[in-house]
Every structure is written in C-alpha cells, then in structure tokens.
C-alpha cells in the first residue's frame, strides 16, 4: 500500500478489490476454523477426516498441506493487487522499492 501511495499519491480503493483487511480476514477465518471448529489437531488430519467428505482425492490431502499451498497464493494475490498500479507507472523503481519485501518473503519460505 505504501508503494502504491508513492506513485499514485492517493489511494483509491475500488469496490471488490482485495486489500489488507480482506487478506487478514481470510487468514482469520482459516485460523479460526482450524483452531476452533476443526480442533487443534486438524493440521495432522486429512481433508476427508476434517470435513467428512468421502471423495477419494480428499483422503490424500492433509490440512497442513492445503494451508501451506493456500498461503503463498494469498500472498501473491495480495502483492500483485497492491503493486500492479505501481508497476504500470514505474516498474524499475517499484522493483527497487520491493527488494526488502522479496528478501523477507524469501526468508519466510526458506525457513518455514
């Protein structure tokens, strides 16, 4: 959002746009469901055990794998949505300002 503000000078949120609040809401729903509704041991179970679905593909998918795959997708979606306007105006400067973000995300993927 700060990078977008540097180039646009004003932040105009469009209806239907995914912003920081929406991404935090998605994460809160995931963690609330997994911690409160599914139980603390939900990450060790398969999708079939947690949801009660009897599909063959649900038996091979663990909840921790599903959350692990969903997390980078949400991060990329959020980052692209916030940086796309800045990339159109000045891609070189946007990438220079984004270097610390790339480093932090890279460290989180390597360590996690």
C-alpha atoms as a PDB file:
ATOM      1  CA  UNK A   1       0.000   0.000   0.000  1.00  0.00           C
ATOM      2  CA  UNK A   2       2.902   2.355   0.701  1.00  0.00           C
ATOM      3  CA  UNK A   3       4.444   1.685  -2.702  1.00  0.00           C
ATOM      4  CA  UNK A   4       1.102   2.362  -4.355  1.00  0.00           C
ATOM      5  CA  UNK A   5       0.847   5.609  -2.379  1.00  0.00           C
ATOM      6  CA  UNK A   6       4.339   6.682  -3.568  1.00  0.00           C
ATOM      7  CA  UNK A   7       3.252   6.549  -7.205  1.00  0.00           C
ATOM      8  CA  UNK A   8      -0.446   7.330  -7.095  1.00  0.00           C
ATOM      9  CA  UNK A   9      -0.252   9.992  -4.338  1.00  0.00           C
ATOM     10  CA  UNK A  10      -3.703   8.927  -3.236  1.00  0.00           C
ATOM     11  CA  UNK A  11      -5.109   5.523  -2.552  1.00  0.00           C
ATOM     12  CA  UNK A  12      -8.413   4.904  -4.250  1.00  0.00           C
ATOM     13  CA  UNK A  13      -9.883   1.595  -3.206  1.00  0.00           C
ATOM     14  CA  UNK A  14     -12.104   0.045  -5.838  1.00  0.00           C
ATOM     15  CA  UNK A  15     -15.143  -1.986  -4.794  1.00  0.00           C
ATOM     16  CA  UNK A  16     -14.229  -5.652  -4.992  1.00  0.00           C
ATOM     17  CA  UNK A  17     -10.526  -5.010  -4.631  1.00  0.00           C
ATOM     18  CA  UNK A  18      -8.635  -7.281  -2.277  1.00  0.00           C
ATOM     19  CA  UNK A  19      -6.844  -5.159   0.271  1.00  0.00           C
ATOM     20  CA  UNK A  20      -5.008  -5.798   3.521  1.00  0.00           C
ATOM     21  CA  UNK A  21      -8.216  -6.045   5.520  1.00  0.00           C
ATOM     22  CA  UNK A  22      -9.646  -8.719   3.227  1.00  0.00           C
ATOM     23  CA  UNK A  23      -6.458 -10.787   3.329  1.00  0.00           C
ATOM     24  CA  UNK A  24      -6.336 -10.572   7.127  1.00  0.00           C
ATOM     25  CA  UNK A  25      -9.996 -11.608   7.226  1.00  0.00           C
ATOM     26  CA  UNK A  26      -9.241 -14.672   5.073  1.00  0.00           C
ATOM     27  CA  UNK A  27      -6.354 -15.616   7.375  1.00  0.00           C
ATOM     28  CA  UNK A  28      -8.526 -15.064  10.471  1.00  0.00           C
ATOM     29  CA  UNK A  29     -11.255 -17.307   9.040  1.00  0.00           C
ATOM     30  CA  UNK A  30      -8.725 -20.036   8.217  1.00  0.00           C
ATOM     31  CA  UNK A  31      -7.156 -19.953  11.670  1.00  0.00           C
ATOM     32  CA  UNK A  32     -10.486 -19.651  13.490  1.00  0.00           C
ATOM     33  CA  UNK A  33     -11.911 -22.621  11.610  1.00  0.00           C
ATOM     34  CA  UNK A  34      -8.813 -24.746  12.044  1.00  0.00           C
ATOM     35  CA  UNK A  35      -8.352 -23.862  15.722  1.00  0.00           C
ATOM     36  CA  UNK A  36     -11.918 -23.559  16.911  1.00  0.00           C
ATOM     37  CA  UNK A  37     -14.172 -25.602  14.664  1.00  0.00           C
ATOM     38  CA  UNK A  38     -11.895 -28.364  13.367  1.00  0.00           C
ATOM     39  CA  UNK A  39      -9.862 -28.683  16.555  1.00  0.00           C
ATOM     40  CA  UNK A  40      -6.237 -28.172  17.459  1.00  0.00           C
ATOM     41  CA  UNK A  41      -5.172 -31.444  15.838  1.00  0.00           C
ATOM     42  CA  UNK A  42      -6.720 -30.547  12.464  1.00  0.00           C
ATOM     43  CA  UNK A  43      -3.332 -29.951  10.837  1.00  0.00           C
ATOM     44  CA  UNK A  44      -2.391 -33.596  11.374  1.00  0.00           C
ATOM     45  CA  UNK A  45      -5.611 -34.886   9.803  1.00  0.00           C
ATOM     46  CA  UNK A  46      -6.594 -35.294   6.178  1.00  0.00           C
ATOM     47  CA  UNK A  47      -9.206 -33.159   4.467  1.00  0.00           C
ATOM     48  CA  UNK A  48     -11.610 -36.120   4.459  1.00  0.00           C
ATOM     49  CA  UNK A  49     -11.297 -36.572   8.227  1.00  0.00           C
ATOM     50  CA  UNK A  50     -11.829 -32.884   8.963  1.00  0.00           C
ATOM     51  CA  UNK A  51     -14.710 -32.173   6.596  1.00  0.00           C
ATOM     52  CA  UNK A  52     -16.346 -35.599   6.457  1.00  0.00           C
ATOM     53  CA  UNK A  53     -16.240 -35.669   2.645  1.00  0.00           C
ATOM     54  CA  UNK A  54     -15.862 -39.161   1.191  1.00  0.00           C
ATOM     55  CA  UNK A  55     -14.146 -38.249  -2.062  1.00  0.00           C
ATOM     56  CA  UNK A  56     -11.020 -40.200  -2.997  1.00  0.00           C
ATOM     57  CA  UNK A  57      -8.872 -37.078  -3.504  1.00  0.00           C
ATOM     58  CA  UNK A  58      -9.779 -35.768  -0.017  1.00  0.00           C
ATOM     59  CA  UNK A  59      -8.173 -38.758   1.652  1.00  0.00           C
ATOM     60  CA  UNK A  60      -4.709 -37.908   0.355  1.00  0.00           C
ATOM     61  CA  UNK A  61      -4.706 -34.181   1.179  1.00  0.00           C
ATOM     62  CA  UNK A  62      -3.578 -33.180   4.655  1.00  0.00           C
ATOM     63  CA  UNK A  63      -4.844 -29.947   6.132  1.00  0.00           C
ATOM     64  CA  UNK A  64      -1.341 -28.633   6.740  1.00  0.00           C
ATOM     65  CA  UNK A  65      -0.536 -29.167   3.047  1.00  0.00           C
ATOM     66  CA  UNK A  66      -3.713 -27.381   1.998  1.00  0.00           C
ATOM     67  CA  UNK A  67      -2.970 -24.379   4.231  1.00  0.00           C
ATOM     68  CA  UNK A  68       0.665 -24.405   3.101  1.00  0.00           C
ATOM     69  CA  UNK A  69      -0.439 -24.214  -0.549  1.00  0.00           C
ATOM     70  CA  UNK A  70      -3.084 -21.563   0.121  1.00  0.00           C
ATOM     71  CA  UNK A  71      -0.730 -19.211   1.960  1.00  0.00           C
ATOM     72  CA  UNK A  72       1.616 -18.348  -0.970  1.00  0.00           C
ATOM     73  CA  UNK A  73      -1.351 -17.988  -3.314  1.00  0.00           C
ATOM     74  CA  UNK A  74      -2.931 -15.410  -0.995  1.00  0.00           C
ATOM     75  CA  UNK A  75       0.384 -13.596  -0.584  1.00  0.00           C
ATOM     76  CA  UNK A  76       0.988 -13.407  -4.342  1.00  0.00           C
ATOM     77  CA  UNK A  77      -2.590 -12.283  -4.998  1.00  0.00           C
ATOM     78  CA  UNK A  78      -2.355  -9.590  -2.351  1.00  0.00           C
ATOM     79  CA  UNK A  79       1.057  -8.365  -3.508  1.00  0.00           C
ATOM     80  CA  UNK A  80       0.092  -8.238  -7.181  1.00  0.00           C
ATOM     81  CA  UNK A  81      -3.129  -6.408  -6.451  1.00  0.00           C
ATOM     82  CA  UNK A  82      -1.305  -3.719  -4.498  1.00  0.00           C
ATOM     83  CA  UNK A  83       1.706  -3.375  -6.784  1.00  0.00           C
ATOM     84  CA  UNK A  84       0.086  -3.649 -10.241  1.00  0.00           C
ATOM     85  CA  UNK A  85      -0.673   0.079 -10.488  1.00  0.00           C
ATOM     86  CA  UNK A  86       2.860   0.995  -9.418  1.00  0.00           C
ATOM     87  CA  UNK A  87       4.349  -1.498 -11.880  1.00  0.00           C
ATOM     88  CA  UNK A  88       2.449   0.129 -14.722  1.00  0.00           C
ATOM     89  CA  UNK A  89       3.678   3.633 -13.828  1.00  0.00           C
ATOM     90  CA  UNK A  90       7.332   2.941 -12.979  1.00  0.00           C
ATOM     91  CA  UNK A  91       8.377  -0.737 -12.976  1.00  0.00           C
ATOM     92  CA  UNK A  92      12.098  -0.164 -12.314  1.00  0.00           C
ATOM     93  CA  UNK A  93      11.578   1.983  -9.213  1.00  0.00           C
ATOM     94  CA  UNK A  94       8.825  -0.322  -7.945  1.00  0.00           C
ATOM     95  CA  UNK A  95      11.133  -3.339  -8.139  1.00  0.00           C
ATOM     96  CA  UNK A  96      13.878  -1.400  -6.346  1.00  0.00           C
ATOM     97  CA  UNK A  97      11.483  -0.491  -3.515  1.00  0.00           C
ATOM     98  CA  UNK A  98      10.219  -4.076  -3.405  1.00  0.00           C
ATOM     99  CA  UNK A  99      13.665  -5.661  -2.767  1.00  0.00           C
ATOM    100  CA  UNK A 100      13.226  -5.793   1.068  1.00  0.00           C
ATOM    101  CA  UNK A 101       9.829  -7.435   0.596  1.00  0.00           C
ATOM    102  CA  UNK A 102      11.322 -10.089  -1.717  1.00  0.00           C
ATOM    103  CA  UNK A 103      14.063 -10.764   0.844  1.00  0.00           C
ATOM    104  CA  UNK A 104      11.610 -11.151   3.742  1.00  0.00           C
ATOM    105  CA  UNK A 105       9.234 -13.379   1.757  1.00  0.00           C
ATOM    106  CA  UNK A 106      12.164 -15.479   0.561  1.00  0.00           C
ATOM    107  CA  UNK A 107      13.429 -15.945   4.104  1.00  0.00           C
ATOM    108  CA  UNK A 108       9.942 -16.931   5.297  1.00  0.00           C
ATOM    109  CA  UNK A 109       9.606 -19.572   2.545  1.00  0.00           C
ATOM    110  CA  UNK A 110      13.079 -20.994   3.176  1.00  0.00           C
ATOM    111  CA  UNK A 111      12.682 -21.126   6.945  1.00  0.00           C
ATOM    112  CA  UNK A 112       9.086 -22.244   7.036  1.00  0.00           C
END
